[in-house]
Amino acid sequence: MPRPNKAARGKHRWIAMQVNKSIQRDSLKKLLGESLDGLDWKLYDSEKQSKRTYAIIKITLPEYQLATARLNKISGFETITSSGKIRLVRERVKSYL
């Protein structure tokens, strides 16, 4: 079955965040699941550094504001950038690595 055309897929945003501790991908996914409960999201990238973790998630456009607010309420989490294109978000995150 063919993929739906671009307009039918819906709009979304990519959000990059910084976690102030080194955390495994599975633990990060569980923590995000608890905080973003009820929202449609997906974890794409997770880069673990010595004392920090950087992650990129995909969220639907209507839920973007709520997701950003919830992420910034988590202790040790900080959103650093967002865009409608993952390429731009990945480029911006590279400057933090």
C-alpha atoms as a PDB file:
ATOM      1  CA  MET A   1       0.000   0.000   0.000  1.00  0.00           C
ATOM      2  CA  PRO A   2       1.487   3.397  -0.952  1.00  0.00           C
ATOM      3  CA  ARG A   3       2.387   5.972   1.641  1.00  0.00           C
ATOM      4  CA  PRO A   4      -0.029   8.899   2.084  1.00  0.00           C
ATOM      5  CA  ASN A   5       1.017  12.060   0.306  1.00  0.00           C
ATOM      6  CA  LYS A   6       2.862  14.740   2.253  1.00  0.00           C
ATOM      7  CA  ALA A   7      -0.178  16.886   3.059  1.00  0.00           C
ATOM      8  CA  ALA A   8      -2.105  13.908   4.461  1.00  0.00           C
ATOM      9  CA  ARG A   9       0.686  12.959   6.893  1.00  0.00           C
ATOM     10  CA  GLY A  10       0.144  15.932   9.197  1.00  0.00           C
ATOM     11  CA  LYS A  11       2.528  18.518  10.525  1.00  0.00           C
ATOM     12  CA  HIS A  12       5.028  17.850  13.270  1.00  0.00           C
ATOM     13  CA  ARG A  13       7.962  19.409  15.115  1.00  0.00           C
ATOM     14  CA  TRP A  14      11.335  18.015  16.092  1.00  0.00           C
ATOM     15  CA  ILE A  15      12.443  18.993  19.605  1.00  0.00           C
ATOM     16  CA  ALA A  16      16.027  18.688  20.833  1.00  0.00           C
ATOM     17  CA  MET A  17      16.627  18.490  24.550  1.00  0.00           C
ATOM     18  CA  GLN A  18      19.534  18.296  26.931  1.00  0.00           C
ATOM     19  CA  VAL A  19      19.449  16.086  30.009  1.00  0.00           C
ATOM     20  CA  ASN A  20      21.916  17.045  32.751  1.00  0.00           C
ATOM     21  CA  LYS A  21      22.957  13.456  33.409  1.00  0.00           C
ATOM     22  CA  SER A  22      24.131  10.489  31.408  1.00  0.00           C
ATOM     23  CA  ILE A  23      21.100   8.265  30.881  1.00  0.00           C
ATOM     24  CA  GLN A  24      20.473   5.108  28.860  1.00  0.00           C
ATOM     25  CA  ARG A  25      18.065   5.287  25.911  1.00  0.00           C
ATOM     26  CA  ASP A  26      15.557   2.883  27.526  1.00  0.00           C
ATOM     27  CA  SER A  27      15.483   4.887  30.767  1.00  0.00           C
ATOM     28  CA  LEU A  28      15.100   8.116  28.818  1.00  0.00           C
ATOM     29  CA  LYS A  29      12.224   6.650  26.806  1.00  0.00           C
ATOM     30  CA  LYS A  30      10.466   5.541  30.002  1.00  0.00           C
ATOM     31  CA  LEU A  31      10.897   8.960  31.630  1.00  0.00           C
ATOM     32  CA  LEU A  32       9.610  10.738  28.521  1.00  0.00           C
ATOM     33  CA  GLY A  33       6.658   8.346  28.346  1.00  0.00           C
ATOM     34  CA  GLU A  34       5.626   9.258  31.880  1.00  0.00           C
ATOM     35  CA  SER A  35       5.970  13.001  31.246  1.00  0.00           C
ATOM     36  CA  LEU A  36       4.414  13.075  27.783  1.00  0.00           C
ATOM     37  CA  ASP A  37       1.580  10.704  28.650  1.00  0.00           C
ATOM     38  CA  GLY A  38      -1.353  11.192  26.297  1.00  0.00           C
ATOM     39  CA  LEU A  39       0.721  12.929  23.613  1.00  0.00           C
ATOM     40  CA  ASP A  40       1.783  11.433  20.286  1.00  0.00           C
ATOM     41  CA  TRP A  41       5.606  11.430  20.312  1.00  0.00           C
ATOM     42  CA  LYS A  42       8.579   9.323  19.232  1.00  0.00           C
ATOM     43  CA  LEU A  43      12.227   9.320  20.354  1.00  0.00           C
ATOM     44  CA  TYR A  44      14.566   9.492  17.357  1.00  0.00           C
ATOM     45  CA  ASP A  45      18.100  10.341  18.457  1.00  0.00           C
ATOM     46  CA  SER A  46      19.820   9.857  21.780  1.00  0.00           C
ATOM     47  CA  GLU A  47      23.481  10.850  22.179  1.00  0.00           C
ATOM     48  CA  LYS A  48      25.087  10.064  25.532  1.00  0.00           C
ATOM     49  CA  GLN A  49      28.040  12.188  26.631  1.00  0.00           C
ATOM     50  CA  SER A  50      30.083  11.824  29.824  1.00  0.00           C
ATOM     51  CA  LYS A  51      27.781  13.970  31.988  1.00  0.00           C
ATOM     52  CA  ARG A  52      24.928  14.850  29.623  1.00  0.00           C
ATOM     53  CA  THR A  53      22.539  13.247  27.197  1.00  0.00           C
ATOM     54  CA  TYR A  54      21.125  14.916  24.088  1.00  0.00           C
ATOM     55  CA  ALA A  55      17.921  13.644  22.532  1.00  0.00           C
ATOM     56  CA  ILE A  56      15.584  14.497  19.656  1.00  0.00           C
ATOM     57  CA  ILE A  57      11.898  13.666  19.678  1.00  0.00           C
ATOM     58  CA  LYS A  58       9.158  14.079  17.094  1.00  0.00           C
ATOM     59  CA  ILE A  59       5.845  15.567  18.248  1.00  0.00           C
ATOM     60  CA  THR A  60       2.690  16.566  16.395  1.00  0.00           C
ATOM     61  CA  LEU A  61       2.327  20.292  15.754  1.00  0.00           C
ATOM     62  CA  PRO A  62      -0.873  20.807  17.806  1.00  0.00           C
ATOM     63  CA  GLU A  63       0.837  19.207  20.842  1.00  0.00           C
ATOM     64  CA  TYR A  64       4.137  21.084  20.464  1.00  0.00           C
ATOM     65  CA  GLN A  65       3.510  23.846  23.047  1.00  0.00           C
ATOM     66  CA  LEU A  66       2.242  21.418  25.681  1.00  0.00           C
ATOM     67  CA  ALA A  67       5.123  18.987  25.084  1.00  0.00           C
ATOM     68  CA  THR A  68       7.726  21.748  25.394  1.00  0.00           C
ATOM     69  CA  ALA A  69       6.188  22.955  28.653  1.00  0.00           C
ATOM     70  CA  ARG A  70       6.097  19.428  30.087  1.00  0.00           C
ATOM     71  CA  LEU A  71       9.697  18.692  29.068  1.00  0.00           C
ATOM     72  CA  ASN A  72      11.013  21.860  30.688  1.00  0.00           C
ATOM     73  CA  LYS A  73       9.233  20.965  33.956  1.00  0.00           C
ATOM     74  CA  ILE A  74      11.213  17.724  34.294  1.00  0.00           C
ATOM     75  CA  SER A  75      14.135  18.221  36.669  1.00  0.00           C
ATOM     76  CA  GLY A  76      17.410  18.239  34.706  1.00  0.00           C
ATOM     77  CA  PHE A  77      15.708  18.528  31.290  1.00  0.00           C
ATOM     78  CA  GLU A  78      16.000  21.554  29.021  1.00  0.00           C
ATOM     79  CA  THR A  79      14.735  21.969  25.472  1.00  0.00           C
ATOM     80  CA  ILE A  80      17.446  23.575  23.366  1.00  0.00           C
ATOM     81  CA  THR A  81      15.954  23.898  19.883  1.00  0.00           C
ATOM     82  CA  SER A  82      13.078  22.847  17.669  1.00  0.00           C
ATOM     83  CA  SER A  83      12.153  22.917  13.998  1.00  0.00           C
ATOM     84  CA  GLY A  84       9.942  21.335  11.385  1.00  0.00           C
ATOM     85  CA  LYS A  85      13.035  19.736   9.819  1.00  0.00           C
ATOM     86  CA  ILE A  86      15.146  17.135  11.613  1.00  0.00           C
ATOM     87  CA  ARG A  87      18.198  18.098   9.572  1.00  0.00           C
ATOM     88  CA  LEU A  88      18.217  21.577  11.113  1.00  0.00           C
ATOM     89  CA  VAL A  89      17.758  20.247  14.631  1.00  0.00           C
ATOM     90  CA  ARG A  90      20.617  17.757  14.204  1.00  0.00           C
ATOM     91  CA  GLU A  91      22.913  20.523  12.922  1.00  0.00           C
ATOM     92  CA  ARG A  92      22.098  22.709  15.928  1.00  0.00           C
ATOM     93  CA  VAL A  93      22.660  19.859  18.394  1.00  0.00           C
ATOM     94  CA  LYS A  94      26.115  19.219  16.914  1.00  0.00           C
ATOM     95  CA  SER A  95      27.223  22.607  18.231  1.00  0.00           C
ATOM     96  CA  TYR A  96      26.513  21.345  21.785  1.00  0.00           C
ATOM     97  CA  LEU A  97      28.475  18.096  21.379  1.00  0.00           C
END
